[in-house]
PDB file of N, CA and C in Angstrom:
ATOM      1  N   MET A   1       0.946  -1.152   0.022  1.00  0.00           N
ATOM      2  CA  MET A   1      -0.025  -0.038  -0.012  1.00  0.00           C
ATOM      3  C   MET A   1       0.735   1.234  -0.039  1.00  0.00           C
ATOM      4  N   ALA A   2       0.362   2.320  -0.596  1.00  0.00           N
ATOM      5  CA  ALA A   2       1.028   3.521  -0.652  1.00  0.00           C
ATOM      6  C   ALA A   2       0.927   4.240   0.653  1.00  0.00           C
ATOM      7  N   VAL A   3       2.058   4.645   1.341  1.00  0.00           N
ATOM      8  CA  VAL A   3       1.994   5.249   2.641  1.00  0.00           C
ATOM      9  C   VAL A   3       2.901   6.561   2.442  1.00  0.00           C
ATOM     10  N   PRO A   4       2.379   7.689   2.897  1.00  0.00           N
ATOM     11  CA  PRO A   4       3.225   8.958   2.860  1.00  0.00           C
ATOM     12  C   PRO A   4       4.525   8.774   3.654  1.00  0.00           C
ATOM     13  N   LYS A   5       5.742   9.132   3.032  1.00  0.00           N
ATOM     14  CA  LYS A   5       7.000   9.059   3.676  1.00  0.00           C
ATOM     15  C   LYS A   5       7.125  10.135   4.712  1.00  0.00           C
ATOM     16  N   ARG A   6       6.527  11.357   4.468  1.00  0.00           N
ATOM     17  CA  ARG A   6       6.650  12.433   5.315  1.00  0.00           C
ATOM     18  C   ARG A   6       5.225  13.194   5.477  1.00  0.00           C
ATOM     19  N   LYS A   7       5.095  13.962   6.625  1.00  0.00           N
ATOM     20  CA  LYS A   7       3.941  14.660   6.852  1.00  0.00           C
ATOM     21  C   LYS A   7       3.756  15.806   5.853  1.00  0.00           C
ATOM     22  N   VAL A   8       2.679  15.989   5.295  1.00  0.00           N
ATOM     23  CA  VAL A   8       2.369  17.071   4.328  1.00  0.00           C
ATOM     24  C   VAL A   8       1.993  18.228   5.158  1.00  0.00           C
ATOM     25  N   SER A   9       2.788  19.358   5.119  1.00  0.00           N
ATOM     26  CA  SER A   9       2.581  20.548   5.866  1.00  0.00           C
ATOM     27  C   SER A   9       1.305  21.162   5.578  1.00  0.00           C
ATOM     28  N   LYS A  10       0.725  21.993   6.533  1.00  0.00           N
ATOM     29  CA  LYS A  10      -0.504  22.641   6.294  1.00  0.00           C
ATOM     30  C   LYS A  10      -0.642  23.599   5.074  1.00  0.00           C
ATOM     31  N   ALA A  11       0.592  24.340   4.940  1.00  0.00           N
ATOM     32  CA  ALA A  11       0.640  25.274   3.843  1.00  0.00           C
ATOM     33  C   ALA A  11       0.596  24.497   2.576  1.00  0.00           C
ATOM     34  N   ARG A  12       1.307  23.434   2.454  1.00  0.00           N
ATOM     35  CA  ARG A  12       1.460  22.611   1.201  1.00  0.00           C
ATOM     36  C   ARG A  12      -0.005  21.952   0.859  1.00  0.00           C
ATOM     37  N   ARG A  13      -0.694  21.512   1.878  1.00  0.00           N
ATOM     38  CA  ARG A  13      -1.921  20.967   1.749  1.00  0.00           C
ATOM     39  C   ARG A  13      -2.934  22.017   1.261  1.00  0.00           C
ATOM     40  N   ASP A  14      -2.981  23.112   2.014  1.00  0.00           N
ATOM     41  CA  ASP A  14      -3.890  24.166   1.681  1.00  0.00           C
ATOM     42  C   ASP A  14      -3.603  24.788   0.256  1.00  0.00           C
ATOM     43  N   LYS A  15      -2.401  24.862  -0.190  1.00  0.00           N
ATOM     44  CA  LYS A  15      -2.126  25.359  -1.476  1.00  0.00           C
ATOM     45  C   LYS A  15      -2.809  24.458  -2.500  1.00  0.00           C
ATOM     46  N   ARG A  16      -2.675  23.144  -2.342  1.00  0.00           N
ATOM     47  CA  ARG A  16      -3.198  22.061  -3.256  1.00  0.00           C
ATOM     48  C   ARG A  16      -4.800  22.281  -3.260  1.00  0.00           C
ATOM     49  N   ARG A  17      -5.355  22.525  -2.187  1.00  0.00           N
ATOM     50  CA  ARG A  17      -6.926  22.632  -2.105  1.00  0.00           C
ATOM     51  C   ARG A  17      -7.437  24.048  -2.430  1.00  0.00           C
ATOM     52  N   SER A  18      -6.661  25.017  -2.631  1.00  0.00           N
ATOM     53  CA  SER A  18      -7.055  26.413  -2.734  1.00  0.00           C
ATOM     54  C   SER A  18      -7.807  26.744  -4.095  1.00  0.00           C
ATOM     55  N   ASN A  19      -7.614  25.929  -5.090  1.00  0.00           N
ATOM     56  CA  ASN A  19      -8.341  26.425  -6.409  1.00  0.00           C
ATOM     57  C   ASN A  19      -9.526  25.502  -6.632  1.00  0.00           C
ATOM     58  N   ASN A  20      -9.928  24.724  -5.779  1.00  0.00           N
ATOM     59  CA  ASN A  20     -11.146  23.903  -5.984  1.00  0.00           C
ATOM     60  C   ASN A  20     -12.388  24.688  -5.867  1.00  0.00           C
ATOM     61  N   TRP A  21     -12.434  25.733  -5.164  1.00  0.00           N
ATOM     62  CA  TRP A  21     -13.724  26.418  -4.758  1.00  0.00           C
ATOM     63  C   TRP A  21     -14.025  27.459  -5.813  1.00  0.00           C
ATOM     64  N   LYS A  22     -13.133  27.769  -6.779  1.00  0.00           N
ATOM     65  CA  LYS A  22     -13.391  28.925  -7.696  1.00  0.00           C
ATOM     66  C   LYS A  22     -14.453  28.361  -8.639  1.00  0.00           C
ATOM     67  N   LEU A  23     -15.324  29.367  -9.006  1.00  0.00           N
ATOM     68  CA  LEU A  23     -16.240  29.151 -10.119  1.00  0.00           C
ATOM     69  C   LEU A  23     -15.844  29.823 -11.342  1.00  0.00           C
ATOM     70  N   ASN A  24     -16.291  29.177 -12.445  1.00  0.00           N
ATOM     71  CA  ASN A  24     -15.969  29.827 -13.831  1.00  0.00           C
ATOM     72  C   ASN A  24     -17.060  30.876 -14.084  1.00  0.00           C
ATOM     73  N   LEU A  25     -16.730  32.016 -14.680  1.00  0.00           N
ATOM     74  CA  LEU A  25     -17.672  32.961 -15.238  1.00  0.00           C
ATOM     75  C   LEU A  25     -18.349  32.486 -16.323  1.00  0.00           C
ATOM     76  N   PRO A  26     -19.726  32.438 -16.447  1.00  0.00           N
ATOM     77  CA  PRO A  26     -20.344  31.980 -17.570  1.00  0.00           C
ATOM     78  C   PRO A  26     -20.212  32.909 -18.717  1.00  0.00           C
ATOM     79  N   GLY A  27     -20.261  32.373 -20.069  1.00  0.00           N
ATOM     80  CA  GLY A  27     -20.159  33.158 -21.187  1.00  0.00           C
ATOM     81  C   GLY A  27     -21.211  34.195 -21.453  1.00  0.00           C
ATOM     82  N   ILE A  28     -21.053  35.396 -20.875  1.00  0.00           N
ATOM     83  CA  ILE A  28     -21.943  36.509 -21.073  1.00  0.00           C
ATOM     84  C   ILE A  28     -21.588  37.425 -22.311  1.00  0.00           C
ATOM     85  N   VAL A  29     -22.552  37.661 -23.076  1.00  0.00           N
ATOM     86  CA  VAL A  29     -22.442  38.476 -24.309  1.00  0.00           C
ATOM     87  C   VAL A  29     -23.475  39.503 -24.416  1.00  0.00           C
ATOM     88  N   LYS A  30     -23.274  40.462 -25.009  1.00  0.00           N
ATOM     89  CA  LYS A  30     -24.376  41.618 -25.364  1.00  0.00           C
ATOM     90  C   LYS A  30     -25.300  41.077 -26.469  1.00  0.00           C
ATOM     91  N   CYS A  31     -26.583  41.321 -26.240  1.00  0.00           N
ATOM     92  CA  CYS A  31     -27.623  40.952 -27.397  1.00  0.00           C
ATOM     93  C   CYS A  31     -27.377  42.025 -28.513  1.00  0.00           C
ATOM     94  N   PRO A  32     -27.252  41.561 -29.782  1.00  0.00           N
ATOM     95  CA  PRO A  32     -27.010  42.554 -30.815  1.00  0.00           C
ATOM     96  C   PRO A  32     -28.138  43.422 -31.142  1.00  0.00           C
ATOM     97  N   LYS A  33     -29.342  42.977 -30.719  1.00  0.00           N
ATOM     98  CA  LYS A  33     -30.511  43.937 -31.033  1.00  0.00           C
ATOM     99  C   LYS A  33     -30.798  44.935 -29.862  1.00  0.00           C
ATOM    100  N   CYS A  34     -30.781  44.508 -28.649  1.00  0.00           N
ATOM    101  CA  CYS A  34     -31.141  45.505 -27.561  1.00  0.00           C
ATOM    102  C   CYS A  34     -29.996  45.836 -26.571  1.00  0.00           C
ATOM    103  N   GLY A  35     -28.843  45.182 -26.706  1.00  0.00           N
ATOM    104  CA  GLY A  35     -27.786  45.495 -25.952  1.00  0.00           C
ATOM    105  C   GLY A  35     -27.750  44.989 -24.527  1.00  0.00           C
ATOM    106  N   GLU A  36     -28.722  44.085 -24.165  1.00  0.00           N
ATOM    107  CA  GLU A  36     -28.833  43.428 -22.812  1.00  0.00           C
ATOM    108  C   GLU A  36     -27.893  42.312 -22.660  1.00  0.00           C
ATOM    109  N   PHE A  37     -27.375  42.126 -21.524  1.00  0.00           N
ATOM    110  CA  PHE A  37     -26.342  40.925 -21.238  1.00  0.00           C
ATOM    111  C   PHE A  37     -27.042  39.670 -21.234  1.00  0.00           C
ATOM    112  N   VAL A  38     -26.734  38.663 -22.045  1.00  0.00           N
ATOM    113  CA  VAL A  38     -27.297  37.357 -22.165  1.00  0.00           C
ATOM    114  C   VAL A  38     -26.292  36.311 -22.060  1.00  0.00           C
ATOM    115  N   LEU A  39     -26.758  35.142 -21.627  1.00  0.00           N
ATOM    116  CA  LEU A  39     -25.770  34.001 -21.699  1.00  0.00           C
ATOM    117  C   LEU A  39     -25.733  33.615 -23.271  1.00  0.00           C
ATOM    118  N   SER A  40     -24.553  33.211 -23.710  1.00  0.00           N
ATOM    119  CA  SER A  40     -24.395  32.999 -25.068  1.00  0.00           C
ATOM    120  C   SER A  40     -25.091  31.787 -25.477  1.00  0.00           C
ATOM    121  N   HIS A  41     -25.637  31.682 -26.595  1.00  0.00           N
ATOM    122  CA  HIS A  41     -26.451  30.639 -27.251  1.00  0.00           C
ATOM    123  C   HIS A  41     -27.791  30.513 -26.481  1.00  0.00           C
ATOM    124  N   ARG A  42     -28.318  31.538 -26.169  1.00  0.00           N
ATOM    125  CA  ARG A  42     -29.607  31.575 -25.505  1.00  0.00           C
ATOM    126  C   ARG A  42     -30.480  32.713 -26.022  1.00  0.00           C
ATOM    127  N   VAL A  43     -31.786  32.549 -25.869  1.00  0.00           N
ATOM    128  CA  VAL A  43     -32.695  33.615 -26.290  1.00  0.00           C
ATOM    129  C   VAL A  43     -32.650  34.811 -25.397  1.00  0.00           C
ATOM    130  N   CYS A  44     -32.505  35.992 -25.935  1.00  0.00           N
ATOM    131  CA  CYS A  44     -32.675  37.161 -25.093  1.00  0.00           C
ATOM    132  C   CYS A  44     -34.085  37.301 -24.362  1.00  0.00           C
ATOM    133  N   LYS A  45     -34.043  37.441 -23.056  1.00  0.00           N
ATOM    134  CA  LYS A  45     -35.315  37.607 -22.412  1.00  0.00           C
ATOM    135  C   LYS A  45     -36.119  38.847 -22.611  1.00  0.00           C
ATOM    136  N   LYS A  46     -35.326  39.895 -22.939  1.00  0.00           N
ATOM    137  CA  LYS A  46     -35.901  41.227 -23.099  1.00  0.00           C
ATOM    138  C   LYS A  46     -36.554  41.385 -24.440  1.00  0.00           C
ATOM    139  N   CYS A  47     -35.823  41.194 -25.535  1.00  0.00           N
ATOM    140  CA  CYS A  47     -36.344  41.304 -26.835  1.00  0.00           C
ATOM    141  C   CYS A  47     -36.745  40.156 -27.581  1.00  0.00           C
ATOM    142  N   ARG A  48     -36.511  38.920 -26.903  1.00  0.00           N
ATOM    143  CA  ARG A  48     -37.018  37.677 -27.305  1.00  0.00           C
ATOM    144  C   ARG A  48     -36.382  37.387 -28.711  1.00  0.00           C
ATOM    145  N   SER A  49     -35.198  37.563 -28.905  1.00  0.00           N
ATOM    146  CA  SER A  49     -34.515  37.384 -30.226  1.00  0.00           C
ATOM    147  C   SER A  49     -33.353  36.423 -29.921  1.00  0.00           C
ATOM    148  N   TYR A  50     -32.889  35.696 -31.087  1.00  0.00           N
ATOM    149  CA  TYR A  50     -31.573  34.860 -30.984  1.00  0.00           C
ATOM    150  C   TYR A  50     -30.931  35.083 -32.315  1.00  0.00           C
ATOM    151  N   ASN A  51     -29.643  35.358 -32.391  1.00  0.00           N
ATOM    152  CA  ASN A  51     -28.891  35.567 -33.501  1.00  0.00           C
ATOM    153  C   ASN A  51     -29.417  36.646 -34.380  1.00  0.00           C
ATOM    154  N   GLY A  52     -29.957  37.696 -33.786  1.00  0.00           N
ATOM    155  CA  GLY A  52     -30.536  38.820 -34.584  1.00  0.00           C
ATOM    156  C   GLY A  52     -31.904  38.623 -35.048  1.00  0.00           C
ATOM    157  N   LYS A  53     -32.575  37.599 -34.897  1.00  0.00           N
ATOM    158  CA  LYS A  53     -33.877  37.216 -35.301  1.00  0.00           C
ATOM    159  C   LYS A  53     -34.925  37.039 -34.208  1.00  0.00           C
ATOM    160  N   GLU A  54     -36.083  37.583 -34.338  1.00  0.00           N
ATOM    161  CA  GLU A  54     -37.183  37.371 -33.327  1.00  0.00           C
ATOM    162  C   GLU A  54     -37.603  35.891 -33.308  1.00  0.00           C
ATOM    163  N   VAL A  55     -37.423  35.259 -32.212  1.00  0.00           N
ATOM    164  CA  VAL A  55     -37.734  33.892 -32.169  1.00  0.00           C
ATOM    165  C   VAL A  55     -39.045  33.566 -31.394  1.00  0.00           C
ATOM    166  N   ILE A  56     -39.397  34.308 -30.420  1.00  0.00           N
ATOM    167  CA  ILE A  56     -40.686  34.143 -29.694  1.00  0.00           C
ATOM    168  C   ILE A  56     -41.543  35.339 -29.995  1.00  0.00           C
ATOM    169  N   LYS A  57     -42.714  35.026 -30.377  1.00  0.00           N
ATOM    170  CA  LYS A  57     -43.555  36.218 -30.655  1.00  0.00           C
ATOM    171  C   LYS A  57     -44.094  36.741 -29.412  1.00  0.00           C
ATOM    172  N   GLU A  58     -44.321  38.113 -29.439  1.00  0.00           N
ATOM    173  CA  GLU A  58     -44.758  38.922 -28.262  1.00  0.00           C
ATOM    174  C   GLU A  58     -46.271  38.702 -28.236  1.00  0.00           C
ATOM    175  N   GLU A  59     -46.733  38.393 -27.010  1.00  0.00           N
ATOM    176  CA  GLU A  59     -48.218  38.203 -26.834  1.00  0.00           C
ATOM    177  C   GLU A  59     -48.759  39.535 -26.407  1.00  0.00           C
ATOM    178  N   ALA A  60     -49.915  39.921 -26.768  1.00  0.00           N
ATOM    179  CA  ALA A  60     -50.705  41.087 -26.332  1.00  0.00           C
ATOM    180  C   ALA A  60     -51.282  40.940 -24.931  1.00  0.00           C
TER     181      ALA A  60
END
């Protein structure tokens, strides 16, 4: 069985664990029609368009 030869110091252990909690920033882009910030490859909630074209019809 693999057994550690020496004690791992707290600093070394914490350095290894330090980057696991970070979250990645989602891909946010500006809508070409209205300028609202939207997740990429999603329909804009404000103007209901995708790729410059109206996808969802606005109901009265």
